PDB file of N, CA and C in Angstrom:
ATOM      1  N   MET A   1      11.315  18.375   4.124  1.00  0.00           N
ATOM      2  CA  MET A   1      10.754  17.206   3.548  1.00  0.00           C
ATOM      3  C   MET A   1       9.563  16.480   4.094  1.00  0.00           C
ATOM      4  N   ALA A   2       8.900  16.152   3.359  1.00  0.00           N
ATOM      5  CA  ALA A   2       7.665  15.506   3.649  1.00  0.00           C
ATOM      6  C   ALA A   2       7.875  14.090   4.374  1.00  0.00           C
ATOM      7  N   GLU A   3       6.854  13.825   5.302  1.00  0.00           N
ATOM      8  CA  GLU A   3       7.332  12.681   6.180  1.00  0.00           C
ATOM      9  C   GLU A   3       6.965  11.210   5.135  1.00  0.00           C
ATOM     10  N   PRO A   4       8.128  10.583   4.921  1.00  0.00           N
ATOM     11  CA  PRO A   4       7.917   9.278   4.172  1.00  0.00           C
ATOM     12  C   PRO A   4       7.329   8.317   5.067  1.00  0.00           C
ATOM     13  N   VAL A   5       6.339   7.385   4.281  1.00  0.00           N
ATOM     14  CA  VAL A   5       5.891   6.262   5.017  1.00  0.00           C
ATOM     15  C   VAL A   5       5.718   5.169   3.968  1.00  0.00           C
ATOM     16  N   VAL A   6       5.683   3.848   4.403  1.00  0.00           N
ATOM     17  CA  VAL A   6       5.489   2.793   3.513  1.00  0.00           C
ATOM     18  C   VAL A   6       4.012   2.328   4.058  1.00  0.00           C
ATOM     19  N   VAL A   7       3.244   2.005   3.214  1.00  0.00           N
ATOM     20  CA  VAL A   7       1.777   1.513   3.469  1.00  0.00           C
ATOM     21  C   VAL A   7       1.685   0.095   2.965  1.00  0.00           C
ATOM     22  N   TYR A   8       1.369  -0.838   3.731  1.00  0.00           N
ATOM     23  CA  TYR A   8       1.083  -2.326   3.462  1.00  0.00           C
ATOM     24  C   TYR A   8      -0.162  -2.325   2.981  1.00  0.00           C
ATOM     25  N   VAL A   9      -0.623  -2.850   2.066  1.00  0.00           N
ATOM     26  CA  VAL A   9      -1.997  -3.011   1.587  1.00  0.00           C
ATOM     27  C   VAL A   9      -2.052  -4.602   1.239  1.00  0.00           C
ATOM     28  N   SER A  10      -2.855  -5.752   1.557  1.00  0.00           N
ATOM     29  CA  SER A  10      -2.819  -6.953   1.162  1.00  0.00           C
ATOM     30  C   SER A  10      -4.199  -7.078   0.070  1.00  0.00           C
ATOM     31  N   ALA A  11      -3.916  -8.038  -0.914  1.00  0.00           N
ATOM     32  CA  ALA A  11      -4.881  -7.790  -1.944  1.00  0.00           C
ATOM     33  C   ALA A  11      -5.194  -9.513  -2.198  1.00  0.00           C
ATOM     34  N   GLY A  12      -6.211  -9.598  -2.941  1.00  0.00           N
ATOM     35  CA  GLY A  12      -6.541 -10.966  -2.997  1.00  0.00           C
ATOM     36  C   GLY A  12      -6.179 -11.651  -4.174  1.00  0.00           C
ATOM     37  N   SER A  13      -5.836 -10.857  -5.304  1.00  0.00           N
ATOM     38  CA  SER A  13      -5.171 -11.578  -6.477  1.00  0.00           C
ATOM     39  C   SER A  13      -4.217 -10.605  -6.969  1.00  0.00           C
ATOM     40  N   GLU A  14      -3.253 -11.149  -7.989  1.00  0.00           N
ATOM     41  CA  GLU A  14      -2.142 -10.208  -8.444  1.00  0.00           C
ATOM     42  C   GLU A  14      -2.589  -9.107  -9.446  1.00  0.00           C
ATOM     43  N   GLU A  15      -3.981  -9.464 -10.020  1.00  0.00           N
ATOM     44  CA  GLU A  15      -4.668  -8.555 -10.839  1.00  0.00           C
ATOM     45  C   GLU A  15      -5.267  -7.430 -10.105  1.00  0.00           C
ATOM     46  N   GLU A  16      -5.869  -7.504  -8.840  1.00  0.00           N
ATOM     47  CA  GLU A  16      -6.134  -6.620  -8.143  1.00  0.00           C
ATOM     48  C   GLU A  16      -5.068  -5.645  -7.545  1.00  0.00           C
ATOM     49  N   ALA A  17      -4.090  -6.232  -7.221  1.00  0.00           N
ATOM     50  CA  ALA A  17      -2.725  -5.517  -6.637  1.00  0.00           C
ATOM     51  C   ALA A  17      -2.075  -4.570  -7.625  1.00  0.00           C
ATOM     52  N   ASP A  18      -2.081  -5.340  -9.189  1.00  0.00           N
ATOM     53  CA  ASP A  18      -1.598  -4.390 -10.231  1.00  0.00           C
ATOM     54  C   ASP A  18      -2.381  -3.220 -10.478  1.00  0.00           C
ATOM     55  N   ARG A  19      -3.690  -3.558 -10.406  1.00  0.00           N
ATOM     56  CA  ARG A  19      -4.733  -2.430 -10.825  1.00  0.00           C
ATOM     57  C   ARG A  19      -4.578  -1.377  -9.551  1.00  0.00           C
ATOM     58  N   MET A  20      -4.748  -1.613  -8.377  1.00  0.00           N
ATOM     59  CA  MET A  20      -4.412  -0.693  -7.218  1.00  0.00           C
ATOM     60  C   MET A  20      -2.911   0.390  -7.456  1.00  0.00           C
ATOM     61  N   ALA A  21      -1.964  -0.665  -7.478  1.00  0.00           N
ATOM     62  CA  ALA A  21      -0.746  -0.017  -7.615  1.00  0.00           C
ATOM     63  C   ALA A  21      -0.613   1.089  -8.538  1.00  0.00           C
ATOM     64  N   ARG A  22      -1.103   0.463  -9.817  1.00  0.00           N
ATOM     65  CA  ARG A  22      -0.894   1.402 -11.078  1.00  0.00           C
ATOM     66  C   ARG A  22      -1.661   2.588 -11.075  1.00  0.00           C
ATOM     67  N   PHE A  23      -2.820   2.428 -10.204  1.00  0.00           N
ATOM     68  CA  PHE A  23      -3.741   3.832 -10.171  1.00  0.00           C
ATOM     69  C   PHE A  23      -3.154   4.913  -9.225  1.00  0.00           C
ATOM     70  N   VAL A  24      -2.622   4.169  -8.094  1.00  0.00           N
ATOM     71  CA  VAL A  24      -1.953   5.109  -6.968  1.00  0.00           C
ATOM     72  C   VAL A  24      -0.900   5.701  -7.595  1.00  0.00           C
ATOM     73  N   VAL A  25       0.069   5.013  -8.226  1.00  0.00           N
ATOM     74  CA  VAL A  25       0.920   5.629  -8.924  1.00  0.00           C
ATOM     75  C   VAL A  25       0.641   6.700 -10.024  1.00  0.00           C
ATOM     76  N   GLU A  26      -0.027   6.402 -10.769  1.00  0.00           N
ATOM     77  CA  GLU A  26      -0.381   7.191 -11.966  1.00  0.00           C
ATOM     78  C   GLU A  26      -1.167   8.521 -11.265  1.00  0.00           C
ATOM     79  N   LYS A  27      -1.751   8.473 -10.236  1.00  0.00           N
ATOM     80  CA  LYS A  27      -2.647   9.646  -9.719  1.00  0.00           C
ATOM     81  C   LYS A  27      -1.494  10.263  -8.751  1.00  0.00           C
ATOM     82  N   LYS A  28      -0.463  10.047  -8.615  1.00  0.00           N
ATOM     83  CA  LYS A  28       0.715  10.610  -7.742  1.00  0.00           C
ATOM     84  C   LYS A  28       0.516  10.500  -6.161  1.00  0.00           C
ATOM     85  N   LEU A  29      -0.507   9.236  -5.927  1.00  0.00           N
ATOM     86  CA  LEU A  29      -0.809   9.375  -4.255  1.00  0.00           C
ATOM     87  C   LEU A  29       0.599   8.325  -3.821  1.00  0.00           C
ATOM     88  N   ALA A  30       1.346   7.839  -4.651  1.00  0.00           N
ATOM     89  CA  ALA A  30       2.508   7.187  -4.380  1.00  0.00           C
ATOM     90  C   ALA A  30       3.752   7.078  -5.514  1.00  0.00           C
ATOM     91  N   ALA A  31       5.030   6.800  -4.931  1.00  0.00           N
ATOM     92  CA  ALA A  31       6.036   6.977  -5.633  1.00  0.00           C
ATOM     93  C   ALA A  31       6.296   5.625  -6.322  1.00  0.00           C
ATOM     94  N   CYS A  32       6.044   4.588  -5.520  1.00  0.00           N
ATOM     95  CA  CYS A  32       6.362   3.504  -6.205  1.00  0.00           C
ATOM     96  C   CYS A  32       5.518   2.395  -5.366  1.00  0.00           C
ATOM     97  N   CYS A  33       5.382   1.216  -5.756  1.00  0.00           N
ATOM     98  CA  CYS A  33       4.437  -0.002  -5.224  1.00  0.00           C
ATOM     99  C   CYS A  33       5.351  -1.178  -5.610  1.00  0.00           C
ATOM    100  N   THR A  34       5.720  -1.746  -4.683  1.00  0.00           N
ATOM    101  CA  THR A  34       6.346  -2.953  -4.721  1.00  0.00           C
ATOM    102  C   THR A  34       5.263  -4.162  -4.461  1.00  0.00           C
ATOM    103  N   ILE A  35       4.988  -5.256  -5.248  1.00  0.00           N
ATOM    104  CA  ILE A  35       3.883  -6.127  -5.438  1.00  0.00           C
ATOM    105  C   ILE A  35       4.633  -7.364  -5.288  1.00  0.00           C
ATOM    106  N   ILE A  36       4.408  -8.112  -4.130  1.00  0.00           N
ATOM    107  CA  ILE A  36       4.792  -9.483  -3.632  1.00  0.00           C
ATOM    108  C   ILE A  36       3.701 -10.346  -3.689  1.00  0.00           C
ATOM    109  N   PRO A  37       4.003 -11.180  -4.563  1.00  0.00           N
ATOM    110  CA  PRO A  37       2.844 -12.431  -4.646  1.00  0.00           C
ATOM    111  C   PRO A  37       3.309 -13.569  -3.847  1.00  0.00           C
ATOM    112  N   GLY A  38       2.330 -14.408  -3.517  1.00  0.00           N
ATOM    113  CA  GLY A  38       2.556 -15.787  -2.683  1.00  0.00           C
ATOM    114  C   GLY A  38       2.651 -15.473  -1.213  1.00  0.00           C
ATOM    115  N   VAL A  39       2.085 -14.389  -0.790  1.00  0.00           N
ATOM    116  CA  VAL A  39       2.379 -14.609   0.944  1.00  0.00           C
ATOM    117  C   VAL A  39       0.885 -15.011   1.327  1.00  0.00           C
ATOM    118  N   ARG A  40       1.264 -15.568   2.525  1.00  0.00           N
ATOM    119  CA  ARG A  40       0.027 -16.403   3.076  1.00  0.00           C
ATOM    120  C   ARG A  40      -0.362 -15.678   4.505  1.00  0.00           C
ATOM    121  N   SER A  41      -1.729 -15.446   4.411  1.00  0.00           N
ATOM    122  CA  SER A  41      -2.097 -14.848   5.759  1.00  0.00           C
ATOM    123  C   SER A  41      -2.960 -15.611   6.745  1.00  0.00           C
ATOM    124  N   VAL A  42      -2.811 -15.745   7.835  1.00  0.00           N
ATOM    125  CA  VAL A  42      -3.555 -16.278   8.835  1.00  0.00           C
ATOM    126  C   VAL A  42      -4.201 -15.034   9.821  1.00  0.00           C
ATOM    127  N   TYR A  43      -5.678 -15.157  10.042  1.00  0.00           N
ATOM    128  CA  TYR A  43      -6.311 -13.993  10.647  1.00  0.00           C
ATOM    129  C   TYR A  43      -7.627 -14.553  11.191  1.00  0.00           C
ATOM    130  N   ARG A  44      -8.057 -13.858  11.962  1.00  0.00           N
ATOM    131  CA  ARG A  44      -9.525 -14.149  12.709  1.00  0.00           C
ATOM    132  C   ARG A  44     -10.437 -13.315  11.811  1.00  0.00           C
ATOM    133  N   TRP A  45     -11.541 -13.892  11.371  1.00  0.00           N
ATOM    134  CA  TRP A  45     -12.707 -13.350  10.738  1.00  0.00           C
ATOM    135  C   TRP A  45     -13.955 -13.786  11.184  1.00  0.00           C
ATOM    136  N   GLU A  46     -15.039 -13.131  11.823  1.00  0.00           N
ATOM    137  CA  GLU A  46     -15.928 -13.269  12.177  1.00  0.00           C
ATOM    138  C   GLU A  46     -16.193 -14.487  13.134  1.00  0.00           C
ATOM    139  N   GLY A  47     -15.095 -14.576  14.000  1.00  0.00           N
ATOM    140  CA  GLY A  47     -15.085 -15.644  14.932  1.00  0.00           C
ATOM    141  C   GLY A  47     -14.017 -16.754  14.439  1.00  0.00           C
ATOM    142  N   VAL A  48     -13.693 -16.757  13.486  1.00  0.00           N
ATOM    143  CA  VAL A  48     -13.319 -17.979  12.852  1.00  0.00           C
ATOM    144  C   VAL A  48     -11.665 -17.916  12.415  1.00  0.00           C
ATOM    145  N   VAL A  49     -10.842 -18.537  12.614  1.00  0.00           N
ATOM    146  CA  VAL A  49      -9.317 -18.382  12.037  1.00  0.00           C
ATOM    147  C   VAL A  49      -9.489 -18.890  10.759  1.00  0.00           C
ATOM    148  N   GLU A  50      -8.874 -18.136   9.858  1.00  0.00           N
ATOM    149  CA  GLU A  50      -8.771 -18.467   8.239  1.00  0.00           C
ATOM    150  C   GLU A  50      -7.552 -18.388   7.835  1.00  0.00           C
ATOM    151  N   GLN A  51      -7.270 -18.687   6.715  1.00  0.00           N
ATOM    152  CA  GLN A  51      -5.997 -18.959   6.099  1.00  0.00           C
ATOM    153  C   GLN A  51      -6.248 -18.402   4.594  1.00  0.00           C
ATOM    154  N   ALA A  52      -5.516 -17.750   4.034  1.00  0.00           N
ATOM    155  CA  ALA A  52      -5.672 -17.199   2.549  1.00  0.00           C
ATOM    156  C   ALA A  52      -4.307 -16.825   1.817  1.00  0.00           C
ATOM    157  N   SER A  53      -4.376 -17.322   0.491  1.00  0.00           N
ATOM    158  CA  SER A  53      -3.203 -16.608  -0.065  1.00  0.00           C
ATOM    159  C   SER A  53      -3.442 -15.282  -0.574  1.00  0.00           C
ATOM    160  N   GLU A  54      -2.512 -14.221  -0.568  1.00  0.00           N
ATOM    161  CA  GLU A  54      -2.762 -12.978  -0.889  1.00  0.00           C
ATOM    162  C   GLU A  54      -1.329 -12.485  -1.495  1.00  0.00           C
ATOM    163  N   VAL A  55      -1.695 -11.110  -1.934  1.00  0.00           N
ATOM    164  CA  VAL A  55      -0.424 -10.525  -2.702  1.00  0.00           C
ATOM    165  C   VAL A  55      -0.555  -9.282  -1.616  1.00  0.00           C
ATOM    166  N   LEU A  56       0.809  -8.876  -1.304  1.00  0.00           N
ATOM    167  CA  LEU A  56       1.137  -7.794  -0.728  1.00  0.00           C
ATOM    168  C   LEU A  56       1.786  -6.805  -1.354  1.00  0.00           C
ATOM    169  N   ILE A  57       1.380  -5.368  -1.272  1.00  0.00           N
ATOM    170  CA  ILE A  57       1.801  -4.376  -2.113  1.00  0.00           C
ATOM    171  C   ILE A  57       2.384  -3.529  -1.059  1.00  0.00           C
ATOM    172  N   MET A  58       3.575  -3.068  -1.196  1.00  0.00           N
ATOM    173  CA  MET A  58       4.371  -2.039  -0.233  1.00  0.00           C
ATOM    174  C   MET A  58       4.179  -0.904  -1.263  1.00  0.00           C
ATOM    175  N   ILE A  59       3.536   0.301  -0.565  1.00  0.00           N
ATOM    176  CA  ILE A  59       3.462   1.446  -1.222  1.00  0.00           C
ATOM    177  C   ILE A  59       4.309   2.514  -0.610  1.00  0.00           C
ATOM    178  N   LYS A  60       5.182   3.061  -1.118  1.00  0.00           N
ATOM    179  CA  LYS A  60       5.887   4.288  -0.793  1.00  0.00           C
ATOM    180  C   LYS A  60       5.388   5.512  -1.022  1.00  0.00           C
ATOM    181  N   THR A  61       4.883   6.240  -0.057  1.00  0.00           N
ATOM    182  CA  THR A  61       4.305   7.489  -0.500  1.00  0.00           C
ATOM    183  C   THR A  61       5.015   8.443   1.045  1.00  0.00           C
ATOM    184  N   SER A  62       3.921   9.449   1.188  1.00  0.00           N
ATOM    185  CA  SER A  62       4.143  10.526   2.281  1.00  0.00           C
ATOM    186  C   SER A  62       2.862  10.458   3.368  1.00  0.00           C
ATOM    187  N   ARG A  63       3.205  10.807   4.649  1.00  0.00           N
ATOM    188  CA  ARG A  63       2.201  10.801   5.478  1.00  0.00           C
ATOM    189  C   ARG A  63       0.971  11.888   5.101  1.00  0.00           C
ATOM    190  N   ASP A  64       1.272  12.949   4.517  1.00  0.00           N
ATOM    191  CA  ASP A  64       0.523  13.997   3.686  1.00  0.00           C
ATOM    192  C   ASP A  64      -0.533  13.312   2.619  1.00  0.00           C
ATOM    193  N   ALA A  65      -0.021  12.519   1.890  1.00  0.00           N
ATOM    194  CA  ALA A  65      -0.951  11.875   1.208  1.00  0.00           C
ATOM    195  C   ALA A  65      -1.478  10.628   1.377  1.00  0.00           C
ATOM    196  N   PHE A  66      -1.283  10.221   2.515  1.00  0.00           N
ATOM    197  CA  PHE A  66      -2.113   8.907   2.977  1.00  0.00           C
ATOM    198  C   PHE A  66      -3.338   9.242   3.042  1.00  0.00           C
ATOM    199  N   PRO A  67      -4.109  10.241   3.336  1.00  0.00           N
ATOM    200  CA  PRO A  67      -5.588  10.249   3.505  1.00  0.00           C
ATOM    201  C   PRO A  67      -6.366   9.805   2.252  1.00  0.00           C
ATOM    202  N   ALA A  68      -5.811  10.376   1.048  1.00  0.00           N
ATOM    203  CA  ALA A  68      -6.145  10.365  -0.365  1.00  0.00           C
ATOM    204  C   ALA A  68      -6.003   8.965  -0.748  1.00  0.00           C
ATOM    205  N   LEU A  69      -4.614   8.418  -0.464  1.00  0.00           N
ATOM    206  CA  LEU A  69      -4.381   7.231  -0.919  1.00  0.00           C
ATOM    207  C   LEU A  69      -5.273   6.230  -0.028  1.00  0.00           C
ATOM    208  N   GLU A  70      -5.631   6.358   0.928  1.00  0.00           N
ATOM    209  CA  GLU A  70      -6.624   5.393   1.749  1.00  0.00           C
ATOM    210  C   GLU A  70      -7.715   5.342   1.138  1.00  0.00           C
ATOM    211  N   THR A  71      -8.520   6.504   0.824  1.00  0.00           N
ATOM    212  CA  THR A  71      -9.720   6.632   0.247  1.00  0.00           C
ATOM    213  C   THR A  71      -9.805   5.927  -1.102  1.00  0.00           C
ATOM    214  N   GLU A  72      -8.746   5.993  -1.819  1.00  0.00           N
ATOM    215  CA  GLU A  72      -8.825   5.447  -3.056  1.00  0.00           C
ATOM    216  C   GLU A  72      -8.783   3.977  -3.060  1.00  0.00           C
ATOM    217  N   ILE A  73      -7.987   3.609  -2.079  1.00  0.00           N
ATOM    218  CA  ILE A  73      -7.757   2.059  -1.655  1.00  0.00           C
ATOM    219  C   ILE A  73      -8.871   1.224  -1.414  1.00  0.00           C
ATOM    220  N   LYS A  74      -9.730   1.970  -0.371  1.00  0.00           N
ATOM    221  CA  LYS A  74     -10.819   1.639  -0.167  1.00  0.00           C
ATOM    222  C   LYS A  74     -11.866   1.465  -1.106  1.00  0.00           C
ATOM    223  N   ARG A  75     -11.950   2.540  -2.003  1.00  0.00           N
ATOM    224  CA  ARG A  75     -12.506   2.387  -3.072  1.00  0.00           C
ATOM    225  C   ARG A  75     -12.409   1.257  -4.106  1.00  0.00           C
ATOM    226  N   LEU A  76     -11.102   1.064  -4.419  1.00  0.00           N
ATOM    227  CA  LEU A  76     -10.791   0.146  -5.354  1.00  0.00           C
ATOM    228  C   LEU A  76     -10.678  -1.239  -4.726  1.00  0.00           C
ATOM    229  N   HIS A  77     -10.437  -1.557  -3.536  1.00  0.00           N
ATOM    230  CA  HIS A  77     -10.272  -2.881  -3.002  1.00  0.00           C
ATOM    231  C   HIS A  77     -11.563  -3.732  -2.800  1.00  0.00           C
ATOM    232  N   SER A  78     -11.479  -5.311  -3.027  1.00  0.00           N
ATOM    233  CA  SER A  78     -12.373  -6.092  -2.905  1.00  0.00           C
ATOM    234  C   SER A  78     -12.856  -6.475  -1.612  1.00  0.00           C
ATOM    235  N   TYR A  79     -11.950  -6.114  -0.490  1.00  0.00           N
ATOM    236  CA  TYR A  79     -12.278  -6.736   0.710  1.00  0.00           C
ATOM    237  C   TYR A  79     -13.232  -5.767   1.422  1.00  0.00           C
ATOM    238  N   ALA A  80     -14.011  -6.389   2.384  1.00  0.00           N
ATOM    239  CA  ALA A  80     -14.984  -5.348   3.288  1.00  0.00           C
ATOM    240  C   ALA A  80     -14.180  -4.450   3.902  1.00  0.00           C
ATOM    241  N   ILE A  81     -12.977  -5.043   4.628  1.00  0.00           N
ATOM    242  CA  ILE A  81     -12.309  -4.237   5.590  1.00  0.00           C
ATOM    243  C   ILE A  81     -10.698  -4.427   5.070  1.00  0.00           C
ATOM    244  N   PRO A  82     -10.148  -3.746   4.383  1.00  0.00           N
ATOM    245  CA  PRO A  82      -8.825  -4.160   3.696  1.00  0.00           C
ATOM    246  C   PRO A  82      -7.688  -3.567   4.673  1.00  0.00           C
ATOM    247  N   GLU A  83      -6.686  -4.355   4.701  1.00  0.00           N
ATOM    248  CA  GLU A  83      -5.350  -3.893   5.385  1.00  0.00           C
ATOM    249  C   GLU A  83      -4.992  -2.679   4.679  1.00  0.00           C
ATOM    250  N   ILE A  84      -4.826  -1.716   5.588  1.00  0.00           N
ATOM    251  CA  ILE A  84      -4.070  -0.427   4.815  1.00  0.00           C
ATOM    252  C   ILE A  84      -3.328   0.077   6.169  1.00  0.00           C
ATOM    253  N   ILE A  85      -2.150  -0.168   6.351  1.00  0.00           N
ATOM    254  CA  ILE A  85      -1.509   0.165   7.796  1.00  0.00           C
ATOM    255  C   ILE A  85      -0.205   1.027   6.914  1.00  0.00           C
ATOM    256  N   ALA A  86      -0.122   2.108   7.441  1.00  0.00           N
ATOM    257  CA  ALA A  86       1.058   2.786   7.250  1.00  0.00           C
ATOM    258  C   ALA A  86       2.212   2.981   8.410  1.00  0.00           C
ATOM    259  N   LEU A  87       3.607   2.728   7.872  1.00  0.00           N
ATOM    260  CA  LEU A  87       4.632   2.651   8.879  1.00  0.00           C
ATOM    261  C   LEU A  87       5.710   3.745   8.608  1.00  0.00           C
ATOM    262  N   PRO A  88       6.064   4.635   9.400  1.00  0.00           N
ATOM    263  CA  PRO A  88       6.966   5.596   9.149  1.00  0.00           C
ATOM    264  C   PRO A  88       8.519   5.018   8.590  1.00  0.00           C
ATOM    265  N   ILE A  89       9.047   5.761   7.967  1.00  0.00           N
ATOM    266  CA  ILE A  89      10.375   5.720   7.509  1.00  0.00           C
ATOM    267  C   ILE A  89      11.287   6.387   8.271  1.00  0.00           C
ATOM    268  N   ILE A  90      11.907   5.906   9.007  1.00  0.00           N
ATOM    269  CA  ILE A  90      12.727   6.395   9.821  1.00  0.00           C
ATOM    270  C   ILE A  90      14.194   7.096   9.690  1.00  0.00           C
ATOM    271  N   ALA A  91      14.588   6.185   8.239  1.00  0.00           N
ATOM    272  CA  ALA A  91      15.790   6.615   7.798  1.00  0.00           C
ATOM    273  C   ALA A  91      15.757   6.069   6.145  1.00  0.00           C
ATOM    274  N   GLY A  92      16.691   6.488   5.690  1.00  0.00           N
ATOM    275  CA  GLY A  92      16.976   5.947   4.253  1.00  0.00           C
ATOM    276  C   GLY A  92      18.028   6.603   3.428  1.00  0.00           C
ATOM    277  N   HIS A  93      17.984   6.126   2.046  1.00  0.00           N
ATOM    278  CA  HIS A  93      19.073   6.737   1.258  1.00  0.00           C
ATOM    279  C   HIS A  93      18.276   8.008   0.929  1.00  0.00           C
ATOM    280  N   GLU A  94      19.163   8.970   1.249  1.00  0.00           N
ATOM    281  CA  GLU A  94      18.977  10.610   0.742  1.00  0.00           C
ATOM    282  C   GLU A  94      18.235  10.720  -0.623  1.00  0.00           C
ATOM    283  N   PRO A  95      18.811  10.476  -1.607  1.00  0.00           N
ATOM    284  CA  PRO A  95      18.552  10.560  -2.928  1.00  0.00           C
ATOM    285  C   PRO A  95      17.283   9.864  -3.258  1.00  0.00           C
ATOM    286  N   TYR A  96      17.081   8.534  -2.707  1.00  0.00           N
ATOM    287  CA  TYR A  96      15.875   7.904  -2.796  1.00  0.00           C
ATOM    288  C   TYR A  96      14.542   8.743  -2.280  1.00  0.00           C
ATOM    289  N   LEU A  97      14.837   9.147  -0.779  1.00  0.00           N
ATOM    290  CA  LEU A  97      13.617   9.787  -0.371  1.00  0.00           C
ATOM    291  C   LEU A  97      13.402  11.325  -0.990  1.00  0.00           C
ATOM    292  N   ARG A  98      14.432  11.872  -1.743  1.00  0.00           N
ATOM    293  CA  ARG A  98      14.075  12.934  -2.395  1.00  0.00           C
ATOM    294  C   ARG A  98      13.271  12.803  -3.754  1.00  0.00           C
ATOM    295  N   TRP A  99      13.728  11.571  -4.238  1.00  0.00           N
ATOM    296  CA  TRP A  99      12.842  11.346  -5.374  1.00  0.00           C
ATOM    297  C   TRP A  99      11.464  10.914  -5.121  1.00  0.00           C
ATOM    298  N   LEU A 100      11.263  10.160  -3.987  1.00  0.00           N
ATOM    299  CA  LEU A 100      10.103   9.833  -3.199  1.00  0.00           C
ATOM    300  C   LEU A 100       9.073  10.919  -3.369  1.00  0.00           C
ATOM    301  N   GLU A 101       9.501  11.953  -2.528  1.00  0.00           N
ATOM    302  CA  GLU A 101       8.882  13.033  -2.140  1.00  0.00           C
ATOM    303  C   GLU A 101       8.507  14.044  -3.385  1.00  0.00           C
ATOM    304  N   ALA A 102       9.331  13.990  -4.470  1.00  0.00           N
ATOM    305  CA  ALA A 102       9.134  14.846  -5.771  1.00  0.00           C
ATOM    306  C   ALA A 102       8.299  13.955  -6.624  1.00  0.00           C
ATOM    307  N   SER A 103       8.020  12.644  -6.270  1.00  0.00           N
ATOM    308  CA  SER A 103       7.386  11.836  -7.225  1.00  0.00           C
ATOM    309  C   SER A 103       5.753  11.555  -6.842  1.00  0.00           C
ATOM    310  N   ILE A 104       5.362  12.339  -5.685  1.00  0.00           N
ATOM    311  CA  ILE A 104       3.957  12.372  -5.015  1.00  0.00           C
ATOM    312  C   ILE A 104       3.443  13.662  -5.100  1.00  0.00           C
ATOM    313  N   LEU A 105       2.033  13.890  -4.981  1.00  0.00           N
ATOM    314  CA  LEU A 105       1.309  15.204  -4.714  1.00  0.00           C
ATOM    315  C   LEU A 105       1.927  16.138  -3.532  1.00  0.00           C
TER     316      LEU A 105
END
């Protein structure tokens, strides 16, 4: 079984998040994307502490698909340095994990 991962990507708008999510699922780079609007991020950018409203995308994919997914997210994203973080799924409902694997390249 491929190693499943969850990839976090923050986007500047719901439209941008929807566009990226639909693209990666259609291209089979992800099995599912959960879009969570209304998150607020506090971060340091160019030496200044900033705050922004963002939309979080939780992308369910595999470690093998991550490089292609990362390439496409960077291409589609409006940020100069987008958040693209992969975290391992160490356990999960076995039928869901099989579906996830079958849904991606």
